[in-house]
Amino acid sequence: MSKWQMRWDGYASWQRLGGAVLFSLVLVATVVIGSRTLTFSDRYQSATVALRAQFAVADARDFRPEAEDFVFDPNVVSKDDLLRLGLSARQANSFLKFRGKRTNAFRKPNDLRKLYALDDALKDRLVGLARVENVKNTYVRSRSLSGVQSFRFAPNAVTITELERLGLRPYQAKAWITYRTKVPGGIATARQLNKLRFLDPALKSRLLALADFPELPPPSLAAEFPFDPNTISLDSLQLLGFPEYQAKGLLHYRAGRPITFRKPEDLRRVKSLDSILVELALPLIDIAPPPPGSALPIRIGTAPTVYTRAPLPALASVDLNAADTTLLKTLPGIGSYRARRLIRYRDVLGGFYDLEQAATTRGIPDSTWQTILPYLALGPIYRQLSVNRATVEELRRHPNINSKLANTVVRFREKHGAFRSPEDLRQIRSLNDYTLAKIVPYLSFE
């Protein structure tokens, strides 16, 4: 008999029974705990495998190749190039969303710092690589020429489809056709094309280089015969070569009076007539003497007034920003009315910054403008607005600045400080390049 059996037999029966029960409980607990431990281990292992798979998918999605350094234009850079520069797909999408369809979203490399999706280190690297195309001394909105074609075209025969191929937007192409059909003669000269205000200056310059304008013969009368401007009919005026609307203007000017013109030079007062055609028609005028007993002004004790025109000025000698009405009336085709219109428009603006700007003066026909253009010169603008001191009321009085823009400029100045140069005005997002080009010559940044 072993010593363990002797010890076991030495216990009482209830002690042996309790020991057997305790041993059974310990055995059962060991088995249960072991099975649970195995199950938790299996679950932990499964969760670990799942997390590793998710991390692998995320790593594959956010994988970035080694960043490259190359010069790029942020206004035209593609998504693939952004990825090559080291941006993630999310950052590249944010970059393109910020740029949108604008071709001038970034006017300088530092504008890249506006992208909150990029970290500071990446911004610093991109700013050093970015090159934004700038055109000196111009404030025009340039449109991307991607997909735009360049070919010679006739302004009065080009179609809407061809205009869109040339770079015009659909609404601009339709406006072109509408303008061409309403204006007599269509778009026959470079000046007429330059007057299309729905085109930005950059596009106008490109179209002027591509347009084939018809060679216009020098102005001449269609027929030559003596006539009396007091009695000539509408049909006869048209036979001379005056368009119908000009001939109707002459009849309206006469207003049924028996005697309106007493000497040939009086025909120059009719503003609706082409001044060049008038000069050609003056030698043909034969005014009939007034009938006996007609009521004419009688001059007593004075000699008849002889009207003589001052000699023409020298070429490029009339400063349009300094000339008075007397000097302007020495120009061919310019009388008191047209001289006053030019000076009134000039005074409202504060001076002309470009001769073509003066060509838009109401009451100055295109033929008259082409005649006087060789005699004109342009001095400096004589009145400017201080953009850093002018009030809203002072700014809004200028024809090129509306109330909304005046309020925006003043609020921006109060919030961000004084404007130091025209470039500072570009920070106002509501101020486009076309408007900026019209107001910058009239602003002082002192």
Protein backbone atom coordinates (compact mmCIF):
# COMPACT_ATOMS: atom_id res chain seq x y z
CA MET A 1 0.00 0.00 0.00
CA SER A 2 1.46 3.35 -1.09
CA LYS A 3 1.81 6.29 1.16
CA TRP A 4 -0.80 8.29 -0.87
CA GLN A 5 -3.36 5.55 -0.37
CA MET A 6 -2.61 5.43 3.36
CA ARG A 7 -3.14 9.15 3.58
CA TRP A 8 -6.40 8.94 1.62
CA ASP A 9 -7.71 6.16 3.85
CA GLY A 10 -6.81 8.26 6.87
CA TYR A 11 -9.48 10.88 5.94
CA ALA A 12 -13.07 10.52 6.97
CA SER A 13 -15.61 9.55 4.32
CA TRP A 14 -17.15 13.06 4.13
CA GLN A 15 -13.69 14.53 3.69
CA ARG A 16 -12.93 12.12 0.87
CA LEU A 17 -16.28 12.98 -0.75
CA GLY A 18 -15.59 16.73 -0.48
CA GLY A 19 -12.16 16.32 -1.96
CA ALA A 20 -13.56 14.36 -4.91
CA VAL A 21 -16.17 17.05 -5.56
CA LEU A 22 -13.56 19.85 -5.30
CA PHE A 23 -11.28 17.99 -7.67
CA SER A 24 -14.14 17.60 -10.18
CA LEU A 25 -14.96 21.33 -9.99
CA VAL A 26 -11.33 22.27 -10.57
CA LEU A 27 -11.19 19.94 -13.57
CA VAL A 28 -14.36 21.38 -15.10
CA ALA A 29 -13.18 24.97 -14.53
CA THR A 30 -9.88 24.20 -16.17
CA VAL A 31 -11.60 22.80 -19.26
CA VAL A 32 -14.02 25.77 -19.55
CA ILE A 33 -11.33 28.41 -19.09
CA GLY A 34 -9.15 26.70 -21.63
CA SER A 35 -11.89 26.64 -24.25
CA ARG A 36 -12.72 30.33 -23.67
CA THR A 37 -9.06 31.25 -23.90
CA LEU A 38 -8.86 29.47 -27.23
CA THR A 39 -11.95 31.26 -28.57
CA PHE A 40 -10.64 34.74 -27.58
CA SER A 41 -7.31 33.95 -29.21
CA ASP A 42 -9.05 32.97 -32.42
CA ARG A 43 -11.14 36.16 -32.40
CA TYR A 44 -8.10 38.33 -31.72
CA GLN A 45 -6.24 36.69 -34.56
CA SER A 46 -9.20 37.22 -36.95
CA ALA A 47 -9.51 40.90 -35.98
CA THR A 48 -5.79 41.38 -36.51
CA VAL A 49 -6.01 39.91 -40.00
CA ALA A 50 -8.98 42.18 -40.88
CA LEU A 51 -7.19 45.33 -39.67
CA ARG A 52 -4.09 44.42 -41.62
CA ALA A 53 -6.23 44.04 -44.76
CA GLN A 54 -7.85 47.46 -44.22
CA PHE A 55 -4.44 49.08 -43.71
CA ALA A 56 -3.20 47.46 -46.90
CA VAL A 57 -6.17 48.86 -48.87
CA ALA A 58 -5.65 52.35 -47.39
CA ASP A 59 -1.93 52.21 -48.16
CA ALA A 60 -2.68 51.21 -51.75
CA ARG A 61 -5.24 54.03 -52.11
CA ASP A 62 -3.03 56.75 -50.60
CA PHE A 63 0.14 55.55 -52.23
CA ARG A 64 2.13 58.43 -53.65
CA PRO A 65 5.06 57.96 -55.99
CA GLU A 66 8.21 59.86 -55.27
CA ALA A 67 7.51 63.58 -55.73
CA GLU A 68 9.05 65.25 -58.77
CA ASP A 69 10.20 68.86 -59.02
CA PHE A 70 9.34 70.66 -62.28
CA VAL A 71 8.08 74.11 -63.23
CA PHE A 72 4.30 74.32 -63.71
CA ASP A 73 1.55 76.88 -64.29
CA PRO A 74 -1.14 76.44 -61.59
CA ASN A 75 -3.79 77.85 -63.94
CA VAL A 76 -3.40 75.01 -66.46
CA VAL A 77 -1.71 72.15 -64.57
CA SER A 78 -3.49 68.79 -64.89
CA LYS A 79 -4.38 66.29 -62.19
CA ASP A 80 -1.68 63.85 -63.36
CA ASP A 81 0.96 66.55 -63.04
CA LEU A 82 -0.30 67.42 -59.55
CA LEU A 83 0.11 63.78 -58.53
CA ARG A 84 3.63 63.82 -59.94
CA LEU A 85 4.34 66.92 -57.85
CA GLY A 86 3.57 64.95 -54.70
CA LEU A 87 -0.08 65.76 -54.03
CA SER A 88 -2.45 63.02 -52.97
CA ALA A 89 -5.59 62.33 -55.00
CA ARG A 90 -7.66 64.17 -52.41
CA GLN A 91 -5.37 67.20 -52.49
CA ALA A 92 -5.31 67.23 -56.30
CA ASN A 93 -9.12 67.16 -56.43
CA SER A 94 -9.27 70.02 -53.93
CA PHE A 95 -6.77 71.99 -56.06
CA LEU A 96 -8.84 71.55 -59.24
CA LYS A 97 -12.08 72.36 -57.42
CA PHE A 98 -10.60 75.63 -56.14
CA ARG A 99 -9.46 76.58 -59.65
CA GLY A 100 -12.76 75.63 -61.29
CA LYS A 101 -13.20 76.94 -64.83
CA ARG A 102 -11.27 80.14 -64.16
CA THR A 103 -8.18 80.77 -66.25
CA ASN A 104 -6.76 83.33 -63.83
CA ALA A 105 -7.51 81.74 -60.46
CA PHE A 106 -3.82 82.09 -59.53
CA ARG A 107 -2.39 85.50 -60.44
CA LYS A 108 0.89 84.94 -58.61
CA PRO A 109 2.63 81.88 -57.10
CA ASN A 110 1.82 82.98 -53.53
CA ASP A 111 -1.89 82.46 -54.29
CA LEU A 112 -1.19 78.73 -53.80
CA ARG A 113 -1.11 79.41 -50.05
CA LYS A 114 -4.90 79.83 -50.20
CA LEU A 115 -5.28 76.06 -50.61
CA TYR A 116 -6.07 74.80 -47.12
CA ALA A 117 -5.85 71.16 -48.25
CA LEU A 118 -2.04 71.47 -48.60
CA ASP A 119 0.34 71.46 -45.67
CA ASP A 120 2.80 74.33 -45.23
CA ALA A 121 5.85 72.35 -46.37
CA LEU A 122 4.12 71.34 -49.60
CA LYS A 123 2.93 74.93 -50.19
CA ASP A 124 6.47 76.26 -49.80
CA ARG A 125 7.78 73.74 -52.34
CA LEU A 126 4.99 74.43 -54.88
CA VAL A 127 5.34 78.22 -54.60
CA GLY A 128 9.00 77.87 -55.56
CA LEU A 129 8.10 75.80 -58.63
CA ALA A 130 5.02 77.73 -59.82
CA ARG A 131 5.28 80.15 -62.72
CA VAL A 132 2.21 82.25 -63.52
CA GLU A 133 2.14 83.88 -66.95
CA ASN A 134 1.82 87.65 -66.58
CA VAL A 135 1.35 90.23 -69.34
CA LYS A 136 2.95 93.56 -68.46
CA ASN A 137 0.97 96.80 -68.57
CA THR A 138 -2.35 95.20 -69.34
CA TYR A 139 -5.37 94.42 -67.24
CA VAL A 140 -7.36 92.17 -69.54
CA ARG A 141 -8.97 88.85 -68.90
CA SER A 142 -7.10 86.25 -70.94
CA ARG A 143 -9.01 83.23 -72.04
CA SER A 144 -7.33 79.86 -72.37
CA LEU A 145 -6.69 79.08 -76.04
CA SER A 146 -6.88 75.33 -75.52
CA GLY A 147 -8.83 73.96 -78.49
CA VAL A 148 -9.15 77.41 -80.11
CA GLN A 149 -8.17 77.66 -83.77
CA SER A 150 -6.60 80.53 -85.67
CA PHE A 151 -7.54 81.08 -89.30
CA ARG A 152 -8.32 83.98 -91.61
CA PHE A 153 -11.97 85.00 -91.74
CA ALA A 154 -14.25 87.62 -93.24
CA PRO A 155 -16.16 89.44 -90.45
CA ASN A 156 -19.30 89.81 -92.58
CA ALA A 157 -19.36 86.20 -93.79
CA VAL A 158 -18.10 84.17 -90.82
CA THR A 159 -20.61 81.73 -89.30
CA ILE A 160 -21.47 81.07 -85.66
CA THR A 161 -19.62 77.75 -85.73
CA GLU A 162 -16.48 79.40 -87.10
CA LEU A 163 -16.69 82.15 -84.51
CA GLU A 164 -16.80 79.56 -81.73
CA ARG A 165 -13.77 77.84 -83.27
CA LEU A 166 -12.01 81.20 -83.17
CA GLY A 167 -12.53 81.35 -79.39
CA LEU A 168 -15.83 83.19 -78.96
CA ARG A 169 -18.37 81.88 -76.49
CA PRO A 170 -21.81 80.97 -77.89
CA TYR A 171 -23.47 84.16 -76.64
CA GLN A 172 -20.63 86.25 -78.12
CA ALA A 173 -20.98 84.54 -81.51
CA LYS A 174 -24.75 85.23 -81.55
CA ALA A 175 -24.19 88.86 -80.55
CA TRP A 176 -21.66 89.16 -83.41
CA ILE A 177 -24.22 87.99 -85.98
CA THR A 178 -26.95 90.25 -84.51
CA TYR A 179 -24.69 93.31 -84.60
CA ARG A 180 -23.62 92.52 -88.16
CA THR A 181 -27.19 92.33 -89.45
CA LYS A 182 -28.35 95.53 -87.75
CA VAL A 183 -25.48 97.86 -88.67
CA PRO A 184 -25.47 99.15 -92.27
CA GLY A 185 -22.51 97.61 -94.04
CA GLY A 186 -21.89 95.14 -91.21
CA ILE A 187 -18.40 94.90 -89.68
CA ALA A 188 -16.40 96.42 -92.50
CA THR A 189 -13.54 98.14 -90.63
CA ALA A 190 -11.18 97.40 -87.76
CA ARG A 191 -12.73 100.26 -85.78
CA GLN A 192 -16.19 98.66 -86.03
CA LEU A 193 -14.80 95.36 -84.75
CA ASN A 194 -13.03 97.19 -81.94
CA LYS A 195 -16.37 98.70 -80.84
CA LEU A 196 -17.83 95.25 -80.01
CA ARG A 197 -18.00 95.59 -76.23
CA PHE A 198 -18.96 91.97 -75.61
CA LEU A 199 -15.41 90.92 -76.58
CA ASP A 200 -12.55 91.30 -74.13
CA PRO A 201 -9.46 93.24 -75.33
CA ALA A 202 -7.22 90.17 -75.66
CA LEU A 203 -9.72 88.43 -77.92
CA LYS A 204 -10.23 91.60 -79.96
CA SER A 205 -6.49 91.90 -80.60
CA ARG A 206 -6.31 88.30 -81.84
CA LEU A 207 -9.36 88.68 -84.08
CA LEU A 208 -8.06 91.94 -85.56
CA ALA A 209 -4.90 90.10 -86.62
CA LEU A 210 -6.93 87.35 -88.31
CA ALA A 211 -9.75 89.39 -89.89
CA ASP A 212 -9.80 90.08 -93.63
CA PHE A 213 -11.67 93.35 -94.01
CA PRO A 214 -12.99 94.31 -97.42
CA GLU A 215 -11.06 97.01 -99.19
CA LEU A 216 -13.36 100.00 -99.00
CA PRO A 217 -13.14 102.42 -101.92
CA PRO A 218 -12.54 106.05 -101.01
CA PRO A 219 -15.80 107.86 -100.22
CA SER A 220 -17.42 109.25 -103.32
CA LEU A 221 -20.82 110.34 -104.54
CA ALA A 222 -22.82 107.75 -106.44
CA ALA A 223 -23.93 110.41 -108.92
CA GLU A 224 -23.18 114.08 -109.50
CA PHE A 225 -25.85 116.59 -110.42
CA PRO A 226 -26.77 120.08 -109.20
CA PHE A 227 -29.30 120.15 -106.38
CA ASP A 228 -30.96 122.54 -103.97
CA PRO A 229 -30.87 121.19 -100.36
CA ASN A 230 -34.06 123.18 -99.65
CA THR A 231 -36.10 121.19 -102.17
CA ILE A 232 -34.24 117.96 -102.94
CA SER A 233 -36.29 114.82 -102.44
CA LEU A 234 -35.48 111.64 -100.54
CA ASP A 235 -34.90 109.64 -103.74
CA SER A 236 -32.53 112.24 -105.15
CA LEU A 237 -30.47 112.28 -101.95
CA GLN A 238 -30.12 108.52 -102.18
CA LEU A 239 -29.06 108.84 -105.81
CA LEU A 240 -26.27 111.14 -104.66
CA GLY A 241 -25.04 108.38 -102.39
CA PHE A 242 -26.45 109.30 -98.99
CA PRO A 243 -27.90 106.30 -97.10
CA GLU A 244 -31.65 106.31 -96.52
CA TYR A 245 -31.39 107.09 -92.79
CA GLN A 246 -29.14 110.10 -93.51
CA ALA A 247 -31.48 111.37 -96.23
CA LYS A 248 -34.44 111.11 -93.83
CA GLY A 249 -32.42 113.05 -91.29
CA LEU A 250 -31.98 115.90 -93.75
CA LEU A 251 -35.74 116.04 -94.48
CA HIS A 252 -36.43 116.04 -90.75
CA TYR A 253 -33.92 118.86 -90.30
CA ARG A 254 -35.73 120.95 -92.93
CA ALA A 255 -39.03 120.32 -91.11
CA GLY A 256 -41.13 121.62 -94.02
CA ARG A 257 -39.59 125.11 -94.02
CA PRO A 258 -39.39 126.66 -97.50
CA ILE A 259 -35.90 128.02 -96.89
CA THR A 260 -33.54 126.28 -94.49
CA PHE A 261 -30.18 126.57 -96.27
CA ARG A 262 -29.10 129.98 -97.51
CA LYS A 263 -25.58 129.03 -98.60
CA PRO A 264 -23.93 125.68 -99.42
CA GLU A 265 -21.90 125.61 -96.19
CA ASP A 266 -25.13 125.46 -94.16
CA LEU A 267 -25.41 121.80 -95.12
CA ARG A 268 -22.59 121.06 -92.68
CA ARG A 269 -24.98 121.75 -89.80
CA VAL A 270 -26.94 118.58 -90.52
CA LYS A 271 -25.33 116.16 -88.08
CA SER A 272 -27.00 113.08 -89.53
CA LEU A 273 -25.12 113.43 -92.85
CA ASP A 274 -21.74 111.87 -93.52
CA SER A 275 -19.33 114.81 -93.31
CA ILE A 276 -17.10 113.49 -96.12
CA LEU A 277 -20.03 113.12 -98.51
CA VAL A 278 -21.18 116.61 -97.53
CA GLU A 279 -17.79 118.09 -98.47
CA LEU A 280 -17.96 116.28 -101.83
CA ALA A 281 -21.49 117.54 -102.44
CA LEU A 282 -20.86 121.22 -101.59
CA PRO A 283 -19.65 122.17 -105.14
CA LEU A 284 -22.88 120.73 -106.57
CA ILE A 285 -25.23 122.80 -104.43
CA ASP A 286 -27.24 125.40 -106.33
CA ILE A 287 -29.58 127.25 -103.99
CA ALA A 288 -32.41 129.02 -105.77
CA PRO A 289 -32.97 132.68 -104.86
CA PRO A 290 -35.87 133.31 -102.49
CA PRO A 291 -39.20 134.13 -104.12
CA PRO A 292 -40.30 137.78 -104.11
CA GLY A 293 -42.04 138.80 -100.92
CA SER A 294 -40.63 135.96 -98.85
CA ALA A 295 -39.87 136.77 -95.24
CA LEU A 296 -36.09 136.89 -94.97
CA PRO A 297 -34.01 138.58 -92.30
CA ILE A 298 -32.96 142.07 -93.33
CA ARG A 299 -29.55 143.40 -92.38
CA ILE A 300 -29.52 147.22 -91.99
CA GLY A 301 -26.29 149.12 -91.95
CA THR A 302 -24.07 146.05 -91.85
CA ALA A 303 -22.21 144.21 -94.50
CA PRO A 304 -23.16 140.57 -95.14
CA THR A 305 -21.23 138.20 -92.98
CA VAL A 306 -18.71 136.11 -94.85
CA TYR A 307 -18.20 132.70 -93.28
CA THR A 308 -14.68 131.42 -93.67
CA ARG A 309 -13.30 128.23 -92.17
CA ALA A 310 -10.02 128.31 -90.30
CA PRO A 311 -7.11 126.47 -91.93
CA LEU A 312 -6.60 122.86 -90.95
CA PRO A 313 -4.15 122.25 -88.08
CA ALA A 314 -0.92 120.32 -88.50
CA LEU A 315 -1.01 116.55 -88.26
CA ALA A 316 -0.94 115.13 -84.69
CA SER A 317 -1.05 118.65 -83.23
CA VAL A 318 -4.46 118.82 -81.51
CA ASP A 319 -4.19 117.54 -77.92
CA LEU A 320 -7.60 116.03 -77.30
CA ASN A 321 -7.18 116.34 -73.52
CA ALA A 322 -6.37 120.07 -73.65
CA ALA A 323 -8.13 121.47 -76.74
CA ASP A 324 -11.06 123.86 -76.39
CA THR A 325 -14.06 124.14 -78.71
CA THR A 326 -12.36 126.78 -80.89
CA LEU A 327 -9.42 124.49 -81.62
CA LEU A 328 -11.62 121.45 -82.14
CA LYS A 329 -13.75 123.30 -84.68
CA THR A 330 -10.70 123.69 -86.93
CA LEU A 331 -10.89 119.94 -87.56
CA PRO A 332 -12.77 118.81 -90.69
CA GLY A 333 -16.35 117.78 -89.93
CA ILE A 334 -16.33 119.18 -86.37
CA GLY A 335 -18.66 122.04 -85.59
CA SER A 336 -19.84 123.59 -82.36
CA TYR A 337 -22.16 120.69 -81.53
CA ARG A 338 -19.60 117.92 -81.98
CA ALA A 339 -16.88 119.94 -80.25
CA ARG A 340 -19.13 120.39 -77.22
CA ARG A 341 -19.96 116.67 -77.16
CA LEU A 342 -16.27 115.76 -77.16
CA ILE A 343 -15.40 118.20 -74.36
CA ARG A 344 -18.45 117.23 -72.27
CA TYR A 345 -17.55 113.54 -72.46
CA ARG A 346 -13.87 114.32 -71.74
CA ASP A 347 -14.72 116.41 -68.65
CA VAL A 348 -16.97 113.73 -67.21
CA LEU A 349 -14.17 111.17 -67.48
CA GLY A 350 -11.33 113.47 -66.45
CA GLY A 351 -9.53 113.03 -69.77
CA PHE A 352 -9.12 110.34 -72.41
CA TYR A 353 -6.50 107.64 -71.88
CA ASP A 354 -6.84 106.31 -75.44
CA LEU A 355 -7.96 107.84 -78.73
CA GLU A 356 -10.32 104.93 -79.37
CA GLN A 357 -12.08 105.85 -76.13
CA ALA A 358 -12.86 109.27 -77.60
CA ALA A 359 -14.17 107.58 -80.75
CA THR A 360 -17.13 106.29 -78.73
CA THR A 361 -18.40 109.84 -78.14
CA ARG A 362 -22.04 110.03 -79.14
CA GLY A 363 -22.70 112.21 -82.16
CA ILE A 364 -19.31 111.55 -83.85
CA PRO A 365 -19.84 109.42 -87.01
CA ASP A 366 -17.22 106.88 -87.94
CA SER A 367 -16.43 108.69 -91.19
CA THR A 368 -15.81 111.95 -89.32
CA TRP A 369 -13.61 110.21 -86.77
CA GLN A 370 -11.46 108.62 -89.45
CA THR A 371 -11.06 112.06 -91.04
CA ILE A 372 -9.92 113.86 -87.87
CA LEU A 373 -7.84 111.01 -86.41
CA PRO A 374 -4.57 112.01 -88.18
CA TYR A 375 -4.78 115.50 -86.61
CA LEU A 376 -5.19 114.26 -83.02
CA ALA A 377 -2.69 113.73 -80.22
CA LEU A 378 -3.26 112.70 -76.64
CA GLY A 379 -1.81 114.34 -73.55
CA PRO A 380 -1.98 113.03 -69.98
CA ILE A 381 -5.22 112.64 -68.07
CA TYR A 382 -5.80 115.84 -66.14
CA ARG A 383 -8.00 114.58 -63.30
CA GLN A 384 -7.47 111.44 -61.21
CA LEU A 385 -9.18 110.02 -58.15
CA SER A 386 -7.17 109.13 -55.05
CA VAL A 387 -8.23 105.55 -54.47
CA ASN A 388 -6.94 105.70 -50.88
CA ARG A 389 -8.79 108.88 -49.90
CA ALA A 390 -11.86 109.13 -52.12
CA THR A 391 -15.25 108.54 -50.54
CA VAL A 392 -17.96 106.33 -51.95
CA GLU A 393 -19.76 109.37 -53.36
CA GLU A 394 -16.62 110.63 -55.10
CA LEU A 395 -15.88 107.25 -56.64
CA ARG A 396 -19.41 106.59 -57.86
CA ARG A 397 -19.50 109.93 -59.74
CA HIS A 398 -17.02 108.53 -62.26
CA PRO A 399 -18.80 106.99 -65.30
CA ASN A 400 -16.70 103.81 -65.15
CA ILE A 401 -17.35 103.12 -61.42
CA ASN A 402 -20.83 102.09 -60.31
CA SER A 403 -22.21 102.29 -56.77
CA LYS A 404 -21.56 98.63 -55.97
CA LEU A 405 -17.92 98.81 -57.02
CA ALA A 406 -17.38 102.09 -55.11
CA ASN A 407 -18.73 100.53 -51.90
CA THR A 408 -16.61 97.40 -52.40
CA VAL A 409 -13.40 99.41 -52.90
CA VAL A 410 -13.96 101.53 -49.79
CA ARG A 411 -14.85 98.53 -47.58
CA PHE A 412 -11.82 96.58 -48.81
CA ARG A 413 -9.58 99.59 -48.15
CA GLU A 414 -10.89 100.01 -44.61
CA LYS A 415 -10.38 96.32 -43.84
CA HIS A 416 -7.00 95.64 -45.50
CA GLY A 417 -5.34 99.05 -45.63
CA ALA A 418 -4.28 101.37 -48.45
CA PHE A 419 -3.81 100.26 -52.06
CA ARG A 420 -0.19 100.59 -53.14
CA SER A 421 -0.51 99.65 -56.83
CA PRO A 422 -3.06 98.41 -59.38
CA GLU A 423 -2.06 94.86 -58.46
CA ASP A 424 -3.61 95.36 -55.02
CA LEU A 425 -6.98 96.01 -56.66
CA ARG A 426 -6.84 92.52 -58.16
CA GLN A 427 -7.48 91.14 -54.67
CA ILE A 428 -11.10 92.33 -55.03
CA ARG A 429 -12.70 89.27 -56.56
CA SER A 430 -15.74 91.14 -57.90
CA LEU A 431 -13.47 93.45 -59.94
CA ASN A 432 -12.78 91.81 -63.30
CA ASP A 433 -9.91 92.66 -65.61
CA TYR A 434 -12.08 94.46 -68.18
CA THR A 435 -13.40 96.92 -65.57
CA LEU A 436 -9.93 97.26 -64.05
CA ALA A 437 -8.51 98.32 -67.43
CA LYS A 438 -11.09 101.11 -67.66
CA ILE A 439 -10.60 102.58 -64.17
CA VAL A 440 -6.86 102.20 -63.46
CA PRO A 441 -5.82 105.18 -65.65
CA TYR A 442 -8.12 107.40 -63.55
CA LEU A 443 -6.83 106.26 -60.14
CA SER A 444 -4.01 107.68 -58.07
CA PHE A 445 -2.33 105.43 -55.49
CA GLU A 446 -0.68 108.12 -53.40
